[in-house]
Amino acid sequence: MNLEIILSMAGGLGLFLFGMRVMSESIEKVAGAKLRQILEQLTTNRFTGILVGVIFTAIIQSSSACTVMVVSFVNSGLMNLYQAAGVIFGANIGTTVTSLLVSFKLEKIAPVILLVGVIVVMFCKKQKITKFGEIIVGFGILFMGLSTMSGAMSGMKDSEAVLNMFASLTNPILAVLLGTFLTAVIQSSSVTVSIMVLMANQGLLGLDMCMFIILGCNIGACTSALLASLTGKKDAKRAASIHLIFNIIGTLLVFILFILDVDQVVALLAKIAHNDAGRIVAYAHIAIKLFQVIIMSPFIGAIVKMTYIFVPGDDKKIGYRDSHQLKYIGEKVVFNPATAVVEVIKELDRVASLASENLNRAMNALITLDEGEIEEVYEVEENIDFLSHSITDYLVKINQTTLPIEDLKSLGSLFHVVNDIERIGDHAENIADAARRRIDSGVSFSKEAQAELGMMLDMVNTLLRFSLEMFVKSSEEHEEDINHLEEAIDEKEKELQKKHLDRLTNNECSPEAGVIFSDIISGLERVADHATNIAFATVAMDA
């Protein structure tokens, strides 16, 4: 085998891998947010989960990307292990699409596909259409790489050394190990099986050995999810373990069947594929995956329970009040561009709940003058500042990754939401300062003033609750309520300012008490404004 053939093979493989990456990333950019919503909403039972896994992986052309996304979903609590198991099972079927397409020898029209994609990317101005063009470019590059590899393999047939090397591969266990190693290195079973399709087409490798190499590809395909789960929580590791357990057990079952009579399996597939060697390999890939899923689906519950043996114990629980600890994002959490924004929203909800609770704590301290509560307000505010700055840093970081287009549009709004939450925390701190001034100066509030503050706080609390629901769920259910409440709070602030002036005029309260009262109701009105901004941030995202 001369240097030219080796370089041709290497170049073709490089084009194939790059094309696969461009295509997968472009699909995730265009449809990642929609696919994520499908994963969230349609995985309530194992059967719909399997179906979603098949469709999802068939679209993005990567079971690794699908399983890594599932691991990140489990890590952030958006999906439980039983739902994850169904999607992972389905992903194993969906990954067969690439090798099936390769078996149809589409590389002959690869230059045309590539040209169409380049024209779309160069001459279309709309971002979504450009991204569709990038998908086509990736598809074209992928098959150009296949064409290059196919040409190189055709030259290998003239090398006696190469033929002898492949002919010497007769041990099924070694074939399985080879498939495992190659897939673990390449990080894609689709690529490895596609290479097997090409080699079978050129007659370089016996069909029986191709069957065993495919089995090894199943196990090697688990590498991406396992690596992604290393920094994640226990359930993320368990989700990756589901993938590994499924593939190891499934491989053992099929391995036993192949050992009994692999030639019979090849003969049956040859009839279906009309003796086309490449399609025999592609059909074998599909048949193996379907068999594994059908046989093992009834045992999803047992497989999930098995993961608790391999990954025992529970994570240290991070409550929403835990100090200086991010829960859903950060270095200790599985990162996936398709779920990054969802996880940020969950973290923001947690910090907003802290700020809301602290506001009520500060208002209570203002009336009771409890020194312990005042100190706690300051401590929690310090935590809110830390979490807000950490979330901002994370948003800057993910802005530099390949986020889905829809999520990329939302980043600006999320920066504003962080700022609004931090400002609510600042208003709680201002109220604690006012409580401290009351203690130092001995200022008292009338029963009427206390009742008015309580009434306004209740309105603000209701608005905050509605706003957070609207932000987190991207729901318009409370839109009218929020608008009405925001207007009512503005009117209430004007009304209370007027009553406050009347009390001052009638000498019913001291100027010191009047200043504090006026500052507090102005601060609560601004909290309502920030809460309204948070609510309608989701509208800005969808616009």
Protein backbone atom coordinates (compact mmCIF):
# COMPACT_ATOMS: atom_id res chain seq x y z
CA MET A 1 0.00 0.00 0.00
CA ASN A 2 1.66 3.22 -1.15
CA LEU A 3 1.73 6.61 0.55
CA GLU A 4 -0.81 8.09 -1.88
CA ILE A 5 -3.48 5.57 -0.82
CA ILE A 6 -2.76 6.20 2.89
CA LEU A 7 -3.04 9.99 2.42
CA SER A 8 -6.21 9.54 0.37
CA MET A 9 -7.77 7.42 3.12
CA ALA A 10 -6.74 9.91 5.81
CA GLY A 11 -8.06 12.86 3.81
CA GLY A 12 -11.32 11.10 3.04
CA LEU A 13 -11.83 10.18 6.70
CA GLY A 14 -11.08 13.77 7.69
CA LEU A 15 -13.68 15.09 5.24
CA PHE A 16 -16.20 12.52 6.44
CA LEU A 17 -15.72 13.43 10.12
CA PHE A 18 -15.75 17.17 9.39
CA GLY A 19 -18.87 16.86 7.22
CA MET A 20 -20.61 14.86 9.95
CA ARG A 21 -19.71 17.52 12.52
CA VAL A 22 -20.80 20.46 10.33
CA MET A 23 -24.10 18.74 9.51
CA SER A 24 -24.88 17.71 13.12
CA GLU A 25 -23.97 21.11 14.61
CA SER A 26 -25.94 22.98 11.93
CA ILE A 27 -29.01 20.80 12.54
CA GLU A 28 -28.71 21.45 16.28
CA LYS A 29 -28.45 25.21 15.63
CA VAL A 30 -31.52 25.23 13.39
CA ALA A 31 -33.72 22.75 15.25
CA GLY A 32 -32.01 22.23 18.62
CA ALA A 33 -34.57 24.22 20.63
CA LYS A 34 -37.53 22.46 18.98
CA LEU A 35 -35.91 19.04 19.37
CA ARG A 36 -35.26 19.82 23.04
CA GLN A 37 -38.93 20.67 23.54
CA ILE A 38 -39.89 17.36 21.92
CA LEU A 39 -37.49 15.53 24.25
CA GLU A 40 -39.03 17.30 27.27
CA GLN A 41 -42.68 16.82 26.33
CA LEU A 42 -42.91 13.47 24.52
CA THR A 43 -40.89 11.15 26.75
CA THR A 44 -43.51 10.44 29.40
CA ASN A 45 -43.41 6.67 28.80
CA ARG A 46 -40.85 4.21 27.45
CA PHE A 47 -42.55 3.73 24.07
CA THR A 48 -42.85 7.40 23.14
CA GLY A 49 -39.33 7.84 24.54
CA ILE A 50 -37.98 5.18 22.18
CA LEU A 51 -39.82 6.75 19.23
CA VAL A 52 -38.48 10.22 20.09
CA GLY A 53 -34.96 8.79 20.43
CA VAL A 54 -35.22 7.20 16.96
CA ILE A 55 -36.51 10.38 15.29
CA PHE A 56 -34.16 12.72 17.18
CA THR A 57 -31.03 10.71 16.33
CA ALA A 58 -32.11 10.13 12.74
CA ILE A 59 -32.43 13.91 12.32
CA ILE A 60 -29.16 14.99 13.95
CA GLN A 61 -27.29 11.93 12.61
CA SER A 62 -25.52 11.26 15.90
CA SER A 63 -26.48 8.93 18.73
CA SER A 64 -23.56 10.38 20.71
CA ALA A 65 -25.06 13.90 20.53
CA CYS A 66 -28.46 12.52 21.53
CA THR A 67 -27.18 10.52 24.51
CA VAL A 68 -24.97 13.39 25.70
CA MET A 69 -28.04 15.67 25.57
CA VAL A 70 -30.06 13.10 27.51
CA VAL A 71 -27.29 12.88 30.13
CA SER A 72 -27.37 16.68 30.52
CA PHE A 73 -31.18 16.60 30.81
CA VAL A 74 -30.98 14.03 33.59
CA ASN A 75 -28.21 16.03 35.27
CA SER A 76 -30.37 19.17 35.39
CA GLY A 77 -33.50 17.31 36.53
CA LEU A 78 -35.44 17.85 33.29
CA MET A 79 -35.74 14.10 32.69
CA ASN A 80 -35.76 11.06 34.98
CA LEU A 81 -33.78 7.87 34.37
CA TYR A 82 -36.77 5.91 33.07
CA GLN A 83 -37.48 8.57 30.45
CA ALA A 84 -33.77 8.72 29.59
CA ALA A 85 -33.63 4.95 29.11
CA GLY A 86 -36.38 5.05 26.45
CA VAL A 87 -34.66 7.83 24.49
CA ILE A 88 -31.27 6.07 24.70
CA PHE A 89 -32.82 2.84 23.40
CA GLY A 90 -34.36 4.76 20.49
CA ALA A 91 -31.10 6.57 19.76
CA ASN A 92 -29.48 3.21 19.11
CA ILE A 93 -31.93 2.63 16.25
CA GLY A 94 -31.74 6.19 14.89
CA THR A 95 -27.96 5.99 14.54
CA THR A 96 -28.31 3.38 11.78
CA VAL A 97 -29.59 5.99 9.30
CA THR A 98 -26.10 7.26 8.36
CA SER A 99 -24.74 3.85 7.34
CA LEU A 100 -27.99 3.15 5.45
CA LEU A 101 -27.55 6.37 3.43
CA VAL A 102 -23.91 5.44 2.76
CA SER A 103 -24.99 2.05 1.43
CA PHE A 104 -27.05 3.79 -1.29
CA LYS A 105 -23.82 5.22 -2.78
CA LEU A 106 -24.92 8.86 -2.63
CA GLU A 107 -21.28 9.92 -2.97
CA LYS A 108 -21.84 9.98 -6.75
CA ILE A 109 -23.98 13.12 -6.40
CA ALA A 110 -21.91 14.59 -3.53
CA PRO A 111 -20.38 17.41 -5.67
CA VAL A 112 -23.87 18.60 -6.66
CA ILE A 113 -25.09 18.49 -3.04
CA LEU A 114 -22.01 20.43 -1.93
CA LEU A 115 -22.45 23.06 -4.67
CA VAL A 116 -26.11 23.63 -3.74
CA GLY A 117 -25.14 24.07 -0.07
CA VAL A 118 -22.35 26.53 -0.88
CA ILE A 119 -24.68 28.62 -3.10
CA VAL A 120 -27.28 28.80 -0.30
CA VAL A 121 -24.64 29.81 2.30
CA MET A 122 -23.03 32.43 0.05
CA PHE A 123 -26.09 34.12 -1.40
CA CYS A 124 -28.86 33.83 1.22
CA LYS A 125 -29.02 36.53 3.88
CA LYS A 126 -31.51 34.99 6.34
CA GLN A 127 -29.75 33.21 9.19
CA LYS A 128 -32.06 30.19 9.27
CA ILE A 129 -31.75 29.59 5.53
CA THR A 130 -27.96 29.98 5.80
CA LYS A 131 -27.92 27.34 8.53
CA PHE A 132 -29.96 25.02 6.30
CA GLY A 133 -27.31 25.64 3.65
CA GLU A 134 -24.62 24.64 6.16
CA ILE A 135 -26.51 21.36 6.76
CA ILE A 136 -26.40 20.69 3.01
CA VAL A 137 -22.69 21.63 2.89
CA GLY A 138 -21.97 19.21 5.74
CA PHE A 139 -23.93 16.49 3.94
CA GLY A 140 -21.98 17.14 0.74
CA ILE A 141 -18.58 17.17 2.49
CA LEU A 142 -19.49 13.94 4.26
CA PHE A 143 -20.17 12.13 0.99
CA MET A 144 -17.18 13.71 -0.73
CA GLY A 145 -15.12 12.16 2.06
CA LEU A 146 -16.81 8.83 1.40
CA SER A 147 -16.01 9.13 -2.29
CA THR A 148 -12.36 9.79 -1.50
CA MET A 149 -12.17 6.85 0.91
CA SER A 150 -13.96 4.58 -1.55
CA GLY A 151 -11.42 5.47 -4.24
CA ALA A 152 -8.55 4.78 -1.84
CA MET A 153 -10.04 1.44 -0.84
CA SER A 154 -10.39 0.51 -4.47
CA GLY A 155 -6.59 0.90 -4.75
CA MET A 156 -6.10 -1.30 -1.68
CA LYS A 157 -7.48 -4.30 -3.58
CA ASP A 158 -4.25 -4.34 -5.59
CA SER A 159 -2.11 -4.63 -2.44
CA GLU A 160 -1.47 -8.24 -1.45
CA ALA A 161 -0.23 -7.13 2.00
CA VAL A 162 -3.50 -5.29 2.72
CA LEU A 163 -5.61 -8.22 1.54
CA ASN A 164 -3.60 -10.63 3.69
CA MET A 165 -3.94 -8.31 6.71
CA PHE A 166 -7.75 -8.19 6.43
CA ALA A 167 -7.94 -11.88 5.61
CA SER A 168 -6.07 -12.64 8.85
CA LEU A 169 -8.91 -11.14 10.89
CA THR A 170 -10.85 -14.32 11.65
CA ASN A 171 -11.28 -14.15 15.42
CA PRO A 172 -14.78 -12.80 16.34
CA ILE A 173 -13.62 -11.51 19.73
CA LEU A 174 -10.76 -9.56 18.13
CA ALA A 175 -13.24 -8.15 15.59
CA VAL A 176 -15.51 -6.95 18.42
CA LEU A 177 -12.54 -5.38 20.22
CA LEU A 178 -11.41 -3.68 16.99
CA GLY A 179 -14.88 -2.18 16.47
CA THR A 180 -14.94 -0.99 20.10
CA PHE A 181 -11.49 0.63 19.84
CA LEU A 182 -12.11 2.37 16.50
CA THR A 183 -15.48 3.78 17.62
CA ALA A 184 -14.10 4.93 20.98
CA VAL A 185 -11.32 6.82 19.14
CA ILE A 186 -13.53 8.27 16.37
CA GLN A 187 -16.40 8.93 18.85
CA SER A 188 -19.04 7.86 16.33
CA SER A 189 -20.45 4.42 15.57
CA SER A 190 -22.06 5.89 12.43
CA VAL A 191 -18.62 6.67 11.00
CA THR A 192 -17.14 3.26 11.86
CA VAL A 193 -20.08 1.34 10.40
CA SER A 194 -20.02 3.55 7.29
CA ILE A 195 -16.35 2.59 6.80
CA MET A 196 -17.41 -1.06 7.13
CA VAL A 197 -19.99 -0.45 4.38
CA LEU A 198 -17.27 0.90 2.07
CA MET A 199 -14.88 -1.93 2.87
CA ALA A 200 -17.59 -4.51 2.22
CA ASN A 201 -18.40 -2.83 -1.11
CA GLN A 202 -14.73 -3.14 -2.13
CA GLY A 203 -14.52 -6.73 -0.94
CA LEU A 204 -11.72 -5.89 1.50
CA LEU A 205 -13.37 -7.40 4.56
CA GLY A 206 -15.49 -10.52 4.95
CA LEU A 207 -19.16 -9.93 5.76
CA ASP A 208 -18.99 -12.24 8.78
CA MET A 209 -16.21 -10.14 10.35
CA CYS A 210 -18.15 -6.94 9.52
CA MET A 211 -21.00 -8.29 11.68
CA PHE A 212 -18.71 -8.70 14.69
CA ILE A 213 -17.04 -5.31 14.18
CA ILE A 214 -20.51 -3.69 14.21
CA LEU A 215 -21.11 -5.31 17.62
CA GLY A 216 -17.93 -3.67 18.90
CA CYS A 217 -19.09 -0.33 17.50
CA ASN A 218 -22.12 -0.55 19.81
CA ILE A 219 -19.91 -0.60 22.90
CA GLY A 220 -17.45 2.03 21.61
CA ALA A 221 -20.39 4.39 20.96
CA CYS A 222 -20.88 4.73 24.74
CA THR A 223 -17.61 6.66 25.14
CA SER A 224 -19.03 10.16 24.47
CA ALA A 225 -21.84 9.87 27.03
CA LEU A 226 -19.53 8.31 29.63
CA LEU A 227 -16.99 11.13 29.22
CA ALA A 228 -19.75 13.78 29.37
CA SER A 229 -21.13 12.28 32.59
CA LEU A 230 -17.81 12.33 34.46
CA THR A 231 -18.34 15.90 35.71
CA GLY A 232 -22.05 15.37 36.30
CA LYS A 233 -24.22 14.21 39.15
CA LYS A 234 -24.88 10.59 40.08
CA ASP A 235 -28.02 10.40 37.92
CA ALA A 236 -26.06 11.71 34.92
CA LYS A 237 -23.55 8.91 35.45
CA ARG A 238 -26.45 6.45 35.75
CA ALA A 239 -27.93 7.69 32.46
CA ALA A 240 -24.60 7.08 30.72
CA SER A 241 -24.46 3.67 32.41
CA ILE A 242 -27.86 2.79 30.91
CA HIS A 243 -26.32 3.27 27.46
CA LEU A 244 -23.32 1.10 28.37
CA ILE A 245 -25.38 -1.68 30.01
CA PHE A 246 -27.81 -1.77 27.07
CA ASN A 247 -24.99 -2.09 24.55
CA ILE A 248 -22.93 -4.63 26.50
CA ILE A 249 -25.88 -6.95 27.19
CA GLY A 250 -27.27 -6.45 23.68
CA THR A 251 -23.87 -7.17 22.15
CA LEU A 252 -23.47 -10.37 24.18
CA LEU A 253 -26.90 -11.63 23.08
CA VAL A 254 -26.25 -10.98 19.39
CA PHE A 255 -22.67 -12.25 19.68
CA ILE A 256 -24.00 -15.63 20.86
CA LEU A 257 -26.44 -15.74 17.92
CA PHE A 258 -23.66 -14.89 15.46
CA ILE A 259 -21.32 -17.49 16.93
CA LEU A 260 -24.05 -20.12 16.44
CA ASP A 261 -24.53 -19.31 12.75
CA VAL A 262 -23.38 -15.95 11.41
CA ASP A 263 -23.35 -17.30 7.83
CA GLN A 264 -27.10 -17.94 8.01
CA VAL A 265 -27.66 -14.34 9.14
CA VAL A 266 -25.51 -13.04 6.26
CA ALA A 267 -27.37 -15.24 3.77
CA LEU A 268 -30.77 -13.96 4.97
CA LEU A 269 -29.63 -10.32 4.75
CA ALA A 270 -28.12 -10.96 1.30
CA LYS A 271 -31.56 -11.94 0.01
CA ILE A 272 -33.10 -8.74 1.37
CA ALA A 273 -30.20 -6.59 0.06
CA HIS A 274 -30.05 -8.35 -3.33
CA ASN A 275 -26.44 -9.38 -2.63
CA ASP A 276 -25.23 -5.77 -2.36
CA ALA A 277 -22.39 -6.14 0.19
CA GLY A 278 -22.61 -2.56 1.49
CA ARG A 279 -26.33 -2.80 2.06
CA ILE A 280 -25.93 -6.15 3.79
CA VAL A 281 -23.71 -4.40 6.37
CA ALA A 282 -26.14 -1.45 6.70
CA TYR A 283 -29.14 -3.76 7.07
CA ALA A 284 -27.23 -5.85 9.62
CA HIS A 285 -26.63 -2.67 11.63
CA ILE A 286 -30.37 -1.90 11.61
CA ALA A 287 -31.36 -5.51 12.39
CA ILE A 288 -28.94 -5.73 15.34
CA LYS A 289 -30.24 -2.51 16.87
CA LEU A 290 -33.91 -3.42 16.37
CA PHE A 291 -33.35 -6.87 17.88
CA GLN A 292 -31.58 -5.38 20.91
CA VAL A 293 -34.29 -2.80 21.55
CA ILE A 294 -37.17 -5.30 21.14
CA ILE A 295 -35.54 -7.85 23.43
CA MET A 296 -34.45 -5.39 26.13
CA SER A 297 -37.33 -2.87 26.23
CA PRO A 298 -39.36 -4.94 28.75
CA PHE A 299 -36.37 -4.77 31.10
CA ILE A 300 -35.91 -0.98 31.19
CA GLY A 301 -36.88 -0.90 34.88
CA ALA A 302 -34.34 -3.61 35.75
CA ILE A 303 -31.60 -1.83 33.79
CA VAL A 304 -32.31 1.45 35.60
CA LYS A 305 -32.13 -0.36 38.96
CA MET A 306 -28.86 -1.98 37.88
CA THR A 307 -27.29 1.47 37.42
CA TYR A 308 -27.73 2.10 41.15
CA ILE A 309 -25.41 -0.87 41.78
CA PHE A 310 -22.71 0.57 39.52
CA VAL A 311 -23.24 4.16 40.72
CA PRO A 312 -24.30 3.89 44.38
CA GLY A 313 -25.22 6.68 46.77
CA ASP A 314 -26.77 10.11 46.36
CA ASP A 315 -25.40 13.52 45.51
CA LYS A 316 -25.06 16.16 48.15
CA LYS A 317 -28.32 18.06 47.75
CA ILE A 318 -27.99 21.74 46.92
CA GLY A 319 -31.04 23.60 48.17
CA TYR A 320 -32.13 26.88 46.67
CA ARG A 321 -30.85 28.65 49.79
CA ASP A 322 -27.40 26.99 49.84
CA SER A 323 -24.75 29.66 49.90
CA HIS A 324 -22.30 30.33 47.05
CA GLN A 325 -23.18 27.16 45.13
CA LEU A 326 -24.58 26.91 41.63
CA LYS A 327 -26.98 24.00 41.24
CA TYR A 328 -27.82 23.62 37.54
CA ILE A 329 -24.86 25.21 35.75
CA GLY A 330 -21.12 25.57 36.20
CA GLU A 331 -17.98 23.45 36.00
CA LYS A 332 -19.43 20.54 38.02
CA VAL A 333 -22.41 20.11 35.70
CA VAL A 334 -22.66 18.31 32.35
CA PHE A 335 -22.48 20.98 29.62
CA ASN A 336 -24.45 20.64 26.41
CA PRO A 337 -25.20 23.62 24.12
CA ALA A 338 -28.73 22.38 23.42
CA THR A 339 -29.71 22.43 27.11
CA ALA A 340 -27.51 25.28 28.39
CA VAL A 341 -30.22 27.98 28.24
CA VAL A 342 -32.81 25.74 29.93
CA GLU A 343 -30.38 25.15 32.78
CA VAL A 344 -29.66 28.88 33.09
CA ILE A 345 -33.41 29.56 33.37
CA LYS A 346 -33.68 26.99 36.18
CA GLU A 347 -30.75 28.61 37.98
CA LEU A 348 -32.31 32.06 37.54
CA ASP A 349 -35.60 30.77 38.98
CA ARG A 350 -33.68 29.54 42.02
CA VAL A 351 -31.93 32.91 42.54
CA ALA A 352 -35.19 34.82 41.96
CA SER A 353 -36.84 32.71 44.68
CA LEU A 354 -33.98 33.65 46.99
CA ALA A 355 -34.46 37.34 46.19
CA SER A 356 -38.23 37.13 46.71
CA GLU A 357 -37.81 35.36 50.05
CA ASN A 358 -35.21 37.92 51.11
CA LEU A 359 -37.55 40.78 50.23
CA ASN A 360 -40.18 39.35 52.57
CA ARG A 361 -37.56 38.71 55.26
CA ALA A 362 -36.44 42.35 55.03
CA MET A 363 -40.02 43.65 55.21
CA ASN A 364 -40.65 41.50 58.29
CA ALA A 365 -37.45 42.81 59.90
CA LEU A 366 -38.59 46.37 59.14
CA ILE A 367 -41.63 45.83 61.35
CA THR A 368 -40.26 43.47 64.04
CA LEU A 369 -36.79 45.10 64.16
CA ASP A 370 -35.27 41.61 64.59
CA GLU A 371 -31.46 41.99 64.47
CA GLY A 372 -30.99 38.33 63.48
CA GLU A 373 -33.28 38.71 60.46
CA ILE A 374 -31.52 41.89 59.38
CA GLU A 375 -28.15 40.09 59.44
CA GLU A 376 -29.65 37.19 57.48
CA VAL A 377 -30.88 39.60 54.81
CA TYR A 378 -27.30 40.83 54.32
CA GLU A 379 -25.92 37.27 54.17
CA VAL A 380 -28.49 36.15 51.59
CA GLU A 381 -27.91 39.29 49.54
CA GLU A 382 -24.21 38.44 49.41
CA ASN A 383 -25.14 34.98 48.09
CA ILE A 384 -27.50 36.50 45.49
CA ASP A 385 -24.69 38.77 44.26
CA PHE A 386 -22.29 35.81 43.98
CA LEU A 387 -24.82 33.66 42.09
CA SER A 388 -25.80 36.56 39.79
CA HIS A 389 -22.19 37.24 38.83
CA SER A 390 -21.55 33.50 38.31
CA ILE A 391 -24.58 33.22 36.03
CA THR A 392 -23.43 36.26 34.06
CA ASP A 393 -19.97 34.69 33.61
CA TYR A 394 -21.64 31.46 32.43
CA LEU A 395 -23.80 33.35 29.91
CA VAL A 396 -20.67 34.99 28.50
CA LYS A 397 -19.07 31.55 28.22
CA ILE A 398 -21.98 29.85 26.45
CA ASN A 399 -22.33 32.81 24.09
CA GLN A 400 -19.06 31.57 22.55
CA THR A 401 -20.44 28.07 21.85
CA THR A 402 -22.66 26.66 19.08
CA LEU A 403 -26.04 27.34 20.68
CA PRO A 404 -29.30 26.72 18.78
CA ILE A 405 -30.44 29.87 16.94
CA GLU A 406 -33.54 30.28 19.14
CA ASP A 407 -31.43 30.06 22.30
CA LEU A 408 -28.83 32.45 20.93
CA LYS A 409 -31.57 35.08 20.51
CA SER A 410 -32.56 34.70 24.17
CA LEU A 411 -29.12 35.41 25.66
CA GLY A 412 -29.55 39.20 25.66
CA SER A 413 -32.83 38.87 27.56
CA LEU A 414 -31.25 36.52 30.10
CA PHE A 415 -28.51 39.06 30.88
CA HIS A 416 -31.29 41.56 31.66
CA VAL A 417 -33.12 39.02 33.85
CA VAL A 418 -29.94 38.49 35.92
CA ASN A 419 -29.75 42.26 36.41
CA ASP A 420 -33.44 42.52 37.39
CA ILE A 421 -33.10 39.73 39.98
CA GLU A 422 -29.98 41.35 41.42
CA ARG A 423 -31.81 44.67 41.70
CA ILE A 424 -34.68 43.00 43.61
CA GLY A 425 -32.03 41.68 46.00
CA ASP A 426 -30.62 45.20 46.35
CA HIS A 427 -34.07 46.56 47.30
CA ALA A 428 -34.31 43.90 50.04
CA GLU A 429 -30.95 45.10 51.34
CA ASN A 430 -32.19 48.72 51.26
CA ILE A 431 -35.19 47.71 53.38
CA ALA A 432 -32.83 45.98 55.86
CA ASP A 433 -30.85 49.26 56.01
CA ALA A 434 -34.11 51.07 56.78
CA ALA A 435 -34.85 48.58 59.58
CA ARG A 436 -31.39 49.28 61.02
CA ARG A 437 -32.10 53.05 60.86
CA ARG A 438 -35.37 52.48 62.74
CA ILE A 439 -33.48 50.66 65.49
CA ASP A 440 -30.76 53.34 65.71
CA SER A 441 -33.16 56.32 65.72
CA GLY A 442 -36.09 54.76 67.58
CA VAL A 443 -38.52 55.66 64.76
CA SER A 444 -41.97 54.05 65.01
CA PHE A 445 -44.62 53.29 62.38
CA SER A 446 -48.32 53.75 62.93
CA LYS A 447 -50.64 50.73 62.62
CA GLU A 448 -52.09 52.33 59.51
CA ALA A 449 -48.64 52.65 57.87
CA GLN A 450 -47.81 49.02 58.72
CA ALA A 451 -51.09 47.82 57.20
CA GLU A 452 -50.44 49.83 54.03
CA LEU A 453 -46.94 48.37 53.67
CA GLY A 454 -48.34 44.86 54.18
CA MET A 455 -51.02 45.47 51.53
CA MET A 456 -48.49 46.67 48.97
CA LEU A 457 -46.11 43.80 49.75
CA ASP A 458 -48.92 41.28 49.13
CA MET A 459 -49.52 42.80 45.68
CA VAL A 460 -45.79 42.69 44.87
CA ASN A 461 -45.53 39.06 46.05
CA THR A 462 -48.41 38.03 43.79
CA LEU A 463 -46.82 39.83 40.84
CA LEU A 464 -43.47 38.17 41.56
CA ARG A 465 -45.07 34.73 41.69
CA PHE A 466 -46.92 35.25 38.39
CA SER A 467 -43.81 36.71 36.75
CA LEU A 468 -41.55 33.80 37.68
CA GLU A 469 -44.15 31.29 36.44
CA MET A 470 -44.40 33.15 33.14
CA PHE A 471 -40.61 33.34 32.79
CA VAL A 472 -39.82 29.73 33.68
CA LYS A 473 -42.68 28.11 31.76
CA SER A 474 -42.65 30.56 28.81
CA SER A 475 -46.40 30.71 29.34
CA GLU A 476 -48.72 33.65 28.68
CA GLU A 477 -51.26 32.41 31.25
CA HIS A 478 -50.66 35.31 33.68
CA GLU A 479 -49.89 38.02 31.12
CA GLU A 480 -53.06 40.05 31.73
CA ASP A 481 -52.85 39.55 35.51
CA ILE A 482 -49.28 40.88 35.50
CA ASN A 483 -50.20 43.95 33.46
CA HIS A 484 -53.17 44.73 35.72
CA LEU A 485 -51.14 44.17 38.89
CA GLU A 486 -48.26 46.32 37.67
CA GLU A 487 -50.69 49.20 36.98
CA ALA A 488 -52.45 48.63 40.31
CA ILE A 489 -49.12 48.76 42.19
CA ASP A 490 -48.22 52.05 40.44
CA GLU A 491 -51.57 53.49 41.51
CA LYS A 492 -51.18 52.08 45.01
CA GLU A 493 -47.78 53.74 45.35
CA LYS A 494 -49.25 57.13 44.36
CA GLU A 495 -52.16 56.60 46.77
CA LEU A 496 -49.89 55.69 49.69
CA GLN A 497 -47.54 58.61 48.99
CA LYS A 498 -50.55 60.93 49.17
CA LYS A 499 -51.77 59.39 52.45
CA HIS A 500 -48.25 59.65 53.81
CA LEU A 501 -48.15 63.39 52.98
CA ASP A 502 -51.53 63.84 54.68
CA ARG A 503 -50.20 62.19 57.87
CA LEU A 504 -47.11 64.41 57.76
CA THR A 505 -49.26 67.52 57.30
CA ASN A 506 -51.45 66.50 60.25
CA ASN A 507 -48.38 65.70 62.40
CA GLU A 508 -49.54 62.08 62.66
CA CYS A 509 -46.02 60.77 61.94
CA SER A 510 -42.46 62.03 62.29
CA PRO A 511 -40.43 63.30 59.30
CA GLU A 512 -37.89 60.46 59.90
CA ALA A 513 -40.64 57.81 59.73
CA GLY A 514 -42.10 59.55 56.68
CA VAL A 515 -38.80 59.41 54.76
CA ILE A 516 -38.37 55.67 55.50
CA PHE A 517 -42.01 54.93 54.57
CA SER A 518 -41.73 56.86 51.30
CA ASP A 519 -38.47 55.08 50.36
CA ILE A 520 -39.96 51.65 51.09
CA ILE A 521 -43.08 52.02 48.95
CA SER A 522 -40.98 53.52 46.12
CA GLY A 523 -38.66 50.53 46.40
CA LEU A 524 -41.57 48.06 46.29
CA GLU A 525 -42.91 49.77 43.18
CA ARG A 526 -39.51 49.34 41.52
CA VAL A 527 -39.46 45.67 42.55
CA ALA A 528 -42.77 45.32 40.69
CA ASP A 529 -41.16 46.90 37.61
CA HIS A 530 -38.25 44.44 37.76
CA ALA A 531 -40.66 41.52 38.21
CA THR A 532 -42.62 42.65 35.13
CA ASN A 533 -39.38 42.83 33.13
CA ILE A 534 -38.59 39.24 34.15
CA ALA A 535 -42.05 38.06 33.09
CA PHE A 536 -41.84 39.58 29.63
CA ALA A 537 -38.24 38.47 29.02
CA THR A 538 -39.72 35.26 27.57
CA VAL A 539 -41.78 37.34 25.14
CA ALA A 540 -38.58 39.09 24.04
CA MET A 541 -36.97 35.67 23.53
CA ASP A 542 -39.77 34.50 21.24
CA ALA A 543 -39.95 37.72 19.26
